[in-house]
Amino acid sequence: MNDGRSDFDKMPEQRALLAEPNRLEVLQLDNEIVFNEAIIEERDQAIQDIQQQIGEVHEAFKDLATLVHSQGGIIEEVDSNIENSAAATSEAKKEIGKASKTQKSNSSLLCLLMVIFGVVLLIVIIVLAS
């Protein structure tokens, strides 16, 4: 019976020895769980940061869309003014051409009148001198 009792007494020691690796495995699993929870929390924070940044980018694009829309009318007005200026410039070029021709013809006419006046004056002087 002593042998049986001593085996029974050894059992808690054996149980303790057998329980030690199990306890280490449980601690290791607990550490892995804590580590994984930390990673999950870090990823969650990163996702929230990205979500906030996306919201800020969205607001920036909304502001940009508002500016583009409001400036669309201004751009159309500028385009219209450019077209009007081009038409006015073309018309002004035609008018300058006409004025130049008129000035040249007036200049030629003035020269012709001066020559005629000079000839008439010369004739009058010759007649008076004789």
C-alpha atoms as a PDB file:
ATOM      1  CA  MET A   1       0.000   0.000   0.000  1.00  0.00           C
ATOM      2  CA  ASN A   2       2.873   2.287   0.564  1.00  0.00           C
ATOM      3  CA  ASP A   3       3.836   1.941  -3.015  1.00  0.00           C
ATOM      4  CA  GLY A   4       0.320   2.855  -4.025  1.00  0.00           C
ATOM      5  CA  ARG A   5       0.320   5.762  -1.686  1.00  0.00           C
ATOM      6  CA  SER A   6       3.602   7.030  -2.876  1.00  0.00           C
ATOM      7  CA  ASP A   7       2.358   6.869  -6.471  1.00  0.00           C
ATOM      8  CA  PHE A   8      -0.671   8.814  -5.356  1.00  0.00           C
ATOM      9  CA  ASP A   9       1.561  11.349  -3.623  1.00  0.00           C
ATOM     10  CA  LYS A  10       3.622  11.671  -6.775  1.00  0.00           C
ATOM     11  CA  MET A  11       0.504  12.367  -8.777  1.00  0.00           C
ATOM     12  CA  PRO A  12       0.135  16.019  -7.734  1.00  0.00           C
ATOM     13  CA  GLU A  13       3.773  16.577  -8.625  1.00  0.00           C
ATOM     14  CA  GLN A  14       3.209  14.937 -11.965  1.00  0.00           C
ATOM     15  CA  ARG A  15       0.039  16.926 -12.398  1.00  0.00           C
ATOM     16  CA  ALA A  16       1.975  20.084 -11.605  1.00  0.00           C
ATOM     17  CA  LEU A  17       4.652  19.127 -14.119  1.00  0.00           C
ATOM     18  CA  LEU A  18       2.012  18.357 -16.724  1.00  0.00           C
ATOM     19  CA  ALA A  19       0.090  21.528 -15.890  1.00  0.00           C
ATOM     20  CA  GLU A  20       3.197  23.714 -16.281  1.00  0.00           C
ATOM     21  CA  PRO A  21       3.381  23.380 -20.115  1.00  0.00           C
ATOM     22  CA  ASN A  22      -0.378  23.930 -20.303  1.00  0.00           C
ATOM     23  CA  ARG A  23      -0.048  27.046 -18.183  1.00  0.00           C
ATOM     24  CA  LEU A  24       2.774  28.284 -20.422  1.00  0.00           C
ATOM     25  CA  GLU A  25       0.623  27.657 -23.485  1.00  0.00           C
ATOM     26  CA  VAL A  26      -2.257  29.560 -21.893  1.00  0.00           C
ATOM     27  CA  LEU A  27       0.081  32.470 -21.052  1.00  0.00           C
ATOM     28  CA  GLN A  28       1.446  32.419 -24.570  1.00  0.00           C
ATOM     29  CA  LEU A  29      -2.084  32.428 -26.002  1.00  0.00           C
ATOM     30  CA  ASP A  30      -3.025  35.282 -23.653  1.00  0.00           C
ATOM     31  CA  ASN A  31       0.012  37.242 -24.846  1.00  0.00           C
ATOM     32  CA  GLU A  32      -0.946  36.594 -28.461  1.00  0.00           C
ATOM     33  CA  ILE A  33      -4.491  37.755 -27.752  1.00  0.00           C
ATOM     34  CA  VAL A  34      -3.220  40.956 -26.113  1.00  0.00           C
ATOM     35  CA  PHE A  35      -0.848  41.519 -29.040  1.00  0.00           C
ATOM     36  CA  ASN A  36      -3.620  40.906 -31.593  1.00  0.00           C
ATOM     37  CA  GLU A  37      -5.958  43.250 -29.718  1.00  0.00           C
ATOM     38  CA  ALA A  38      -3.263  45.936 -29.787  1.00  0.00           C
ATOM     39  CA  ILE A  39      -2.835  45.442 -33.541  1.00  0.00           C
ATOM     40  CA  ILE A  40      -6.610  45.596 -34.041  1.00  0.00           C
ATOM     41  CA  GLU A  41      -6.818  48.804 -31.999  1.00  0.00           C
ATOM     42  CA  GLU A  42      -3.944  50.341 -33.961  1.00  0.00           C
ATOM     43  CA  ARG A  43      -5.592  49.402 -37.269  1.00  0.00           C
ATOM     44  CA  ASP A  44      -8.912  50.765 -36.059  1.00  0.00           C
ATOM     45  CA  GLN A  45      -7.241  54.078 -35.205  1.00  0.00           C
ATOM     46  CA  ALA A  46      -5.545  54.137 -38.627  1.00  0.00           C
ATOM     47  CA  ILE A  47      -8.900  53.482 -40.313  1.00  0.00           C
ATOM     48  CA  GLN A  48     -10.491  56.329 -38.343  1.00  0.00           C
ATOM     49  CA  ASP A  49      -7.623  58.640 -39.363  1.00  0.00           C
ATOM     50  CA  ILE A  50      -8.081  57.665 -43.016  1.00  0.00           C
ATOM     51  CA  GLN A  51     -11.818  58.196 -42.709  1.00  0.00           C
ATOM     52  CA  GLN A  52     -11.247  61.695 -41.308  1.00  0.00           C
ATOM     53  CA  GLN A  53      -8.782  62.508 -44.095  1.00  0.00           C
ATOM     54  CA  ILE A  54     -11.262  61.278 -46.708  1.00  0.00           C
ATOM     55  CA  GLY A  55     -13.863  63.580 -45.167  1.00  0.00           C
ATOM     56  CA  GLU A  56     -11.449  66.513 -45.410  1.00  0.00           C
ATOM     57  CA  VAL A  57     -10.648  65.687 -49.044  1.00  0.00           C
ATOM     58  CA  HIS A  58     -14.380  65.438 -49.744  1.00  0.00           C
ATOM     59  CA  GLU A  59     -14.922  68.913 -48.293  1.00  0.00           C
ATOM     60  CA  ALA A  60     -12.033  70.285 -50.366  1.00  0.00           C
ATOM     61  CA  PHE A  61     -13.533  68.830 -53.540  1.00  0.00           C
ATOM     62  CA  LYS A  62     -16.954  70.263 -52.667  1.00  0.00           C
ATOM     63  CA  ASP A  63     -15.349  73.695 -52.199  1.00  0.00           C
ATOM     64  CA  LEU A  64     -13.505  73.291 -55.490  1.00  0.00           C
ATOM     65  CA  ALA A  65     -16.729  72.311 -57.269  1.00  0.00           C
ATOM     66  CA  THR A  66     -18.420  75.417 -55.867  1.00  0.00           C
ATOM     67  CA  LEU A  67     -15.565  77.616 -57.099  1.00  0.00           C
ATOM     68  CA  VAL A  68     -15.585  76.010 -60.543  1.00  0.00           C
ATOM     69  CA  HIS A  69     -19.341  76.451 -60.790  1.00  0.00           C
ATOM     70  CA  SER A  70     -19.232  80.091 -59.704  1.00  0.00           C
ATOM     71  CA  GLN A  71     -16.337  80.884 -62.011  1.00  0.00           C
ATOM     72  CA  GLY A  72     -17.982  79.120 -64.958  1.00  0.00           C
ATOM     73  CA  GLY A  73     -20.135  82.190 -65.602  1.00  0.00           C
ATOM     74  CA  ILE A  74     -17.119  84.461 -65.353  1.00  0.00           C
ATOM     75  CA  ILE A  75     -15.220  82.310 -67.842  1.00  0.00           C
ATOM     76  CA  GLU A  76     -18.163  82.414 -70.259  1.00  0.00           C
ATOM     77  CA  GLU A  77     -18.293  86.201 -69.881  1.00  0.00           C
ATOM     78  CA  VAL A  78     -14.552  86.493 -70.542  1.00  0.00           C
ATOM     79  CA  ASP A  79     -14.930  84.239 -73.594  1.00  0.00           C
ATOM     80  CA  SER A  80     -17.776  86.413 -74.877  1.00  0.00           C
ATOM     81  CA  ASN A  81     -15.710  89.573 -74.308  1.00  0.00           C
ATOM     82  CA  ILE A  82     -12.789  88.041 -76.204  1.00  0.00           C
ATOM     83  CA  GLU A  83     -15.051  87.216 -79.144  1.00  0.00           C
ATOM     84  CA  ASN A  84     -16.512  90.742 -79.082  1.00  0.00           C
ATOM     85  CA  SER A  85     -13.022  92.240 -78.915  1.00  0.00           C
ATOM     86  CA  ALA A  86     -11.906  90.129 -81.868  1.00  0.00           C
ATOM     87  CA  ALA A  87     -14.911  91.289 -83.906  1.00  0.00           C
ATOM     88  CA  ALA A  88     -14.347  94.929 -82.900  1.00  0.00           C
ATOM     89  CA  THR A  89     -10.648  94.664 -83.766  1.00  0.00           C
ATOM     90  CA  SER A  90     -11.481  93.239 -87.185  1.00  0.00           C
ATOM     91  CA  GLU A  91     -13.969  96.044 -87.807  1.00  0.00           C
ATOM     92  CA  ALA A  92     -11.438  98.636 -86.606  1.00  0.00           C
ATOM     93  CA  LYS A  93      -8.864  97.236 -89.028  1.00  0.00           C
ATOM     94  CA  LYS A  94     -11.333  97.689 -91.894  1.00  0.00           C
ATOM     95  CA  GLU A  95     -12.106 101.241 -90.781  1.00  0.00           C
ATOM     96  CA  ILE A  96      -8.398 102.093 -90.532  1.00  0.00           C
ATOM     97  CA  GLY A  97      -7.915 100.750 -94.057  1.00  0.00           C
ATOM     98  CA  LYS A  98     -10.770 102.929 -95.321  1.00  0.00           C
ATOM     99  CA  ALA A  99      -9.411 105.967 -93.473  1.00  0.00           C
ATOM    100  CA  SER A 100      -5.964 105.373 -94.918  1.00  0.00           C
ATOM    101  CA  LYS A 101      -7.349 105.185 -98.465  1.00  0.00           C
ATOM    102  CA  THR A 102      -9.437 108.295 -97.873  1.00  0.00           C
ATOM    103  CA  GLN A 103      -6.425 110.156 -96.486  1.00  0.00           C
ATOM    104  CA  LYS A 104      -4.278 109.123 -99.458  1.00  0.00           C
ATOM    105  CA  SER A 105      -6.960 110.166-101.934  1.00  0.00           C
ATOM    106  CA  ASN A 106      -7.482 113.441-100.041  1.00  0.00           C
ATOM    107  CA  SER A 107      -3.742 113.999-100.038  1.00  0.00           C
ATOM    108  CA  SER A 108      -3.570 113.369-103.788  1.00  0.00           C
ATOM    109  CA  LEU A 109      -6.552 115.657-104.361  1.00  0.00           C
ATOM    110  CA  LEU A 110      -4.914 118.370-102.241  1.00  0.00           C
ATOM    111  CA  CYS A 111      -1.714 118.107-104.258  1.00  0.00           C
ATOM    112  CA  LEU A 112      -3.698 118.316-107.492  1.00  0.00           C
ATOM    113  CA  LEU A 113      -5.575 121.367-106.235  1.00  0.00           C
ATOM    114  CA  MET A 114      -2.284 123.012-105.205  1.00  0.00           C
ATOM    115  CA  VAL A 115      -0.831 122.403-108.646  1.00  0.00           C
ATOM    116  CA  ILE A 116      -3.958 123.816-110.324  1.00  0.00           C
ATOM    117  CA  PHE A 117      -3.911 126.812-107.976  1.00  0.00           C
ATOM    118  CA  GLY A 118      -0.207 127.328-108.711  1.00  0.00           C
ATOM    119  CA  VAL A 119      -0.816 127.185-112.483  1.00  0.00           C
ATOM    120  CA  VAL A 120      -3.770 129.593-112.207  1.00  0.00           C
ATOM    121  CA  LEU A 121      -1.673 131.911-110.040  1.00  0.00           C
ATOM    122  CA  LEU A 122       1.187 131.738-112.517  1.00  0.00           C
ATOM    123  CA  ILE A 123      -1.182 132.566-115.361  1.00  0.00           C
ATOM    124  CA  VAL A 124      -2.628 135.495-113.410  1.00  0.00           C
ATOM    125  CA  ILE A 125       0.882 136.804-112.656  1.00  0.00           C
ATOM    126  CA  ILE A 126       1.915 136.471-116.292  1.00  0.00           C
ATOM    127  CA  VAL A 127      -1.252 138.251-117.448  1.00  0.00           C
ATOM    128  CA  LEU A 128      -0.791 141.038-114.939  1.00  0.00           C
ATOM    129  CA  ALA A 129       2.861 141.383-115.714  1.00  0.00           C
ATOM    130  CA  SER A 130       2.228 141.837-119.403  1.00  0.00           C
END
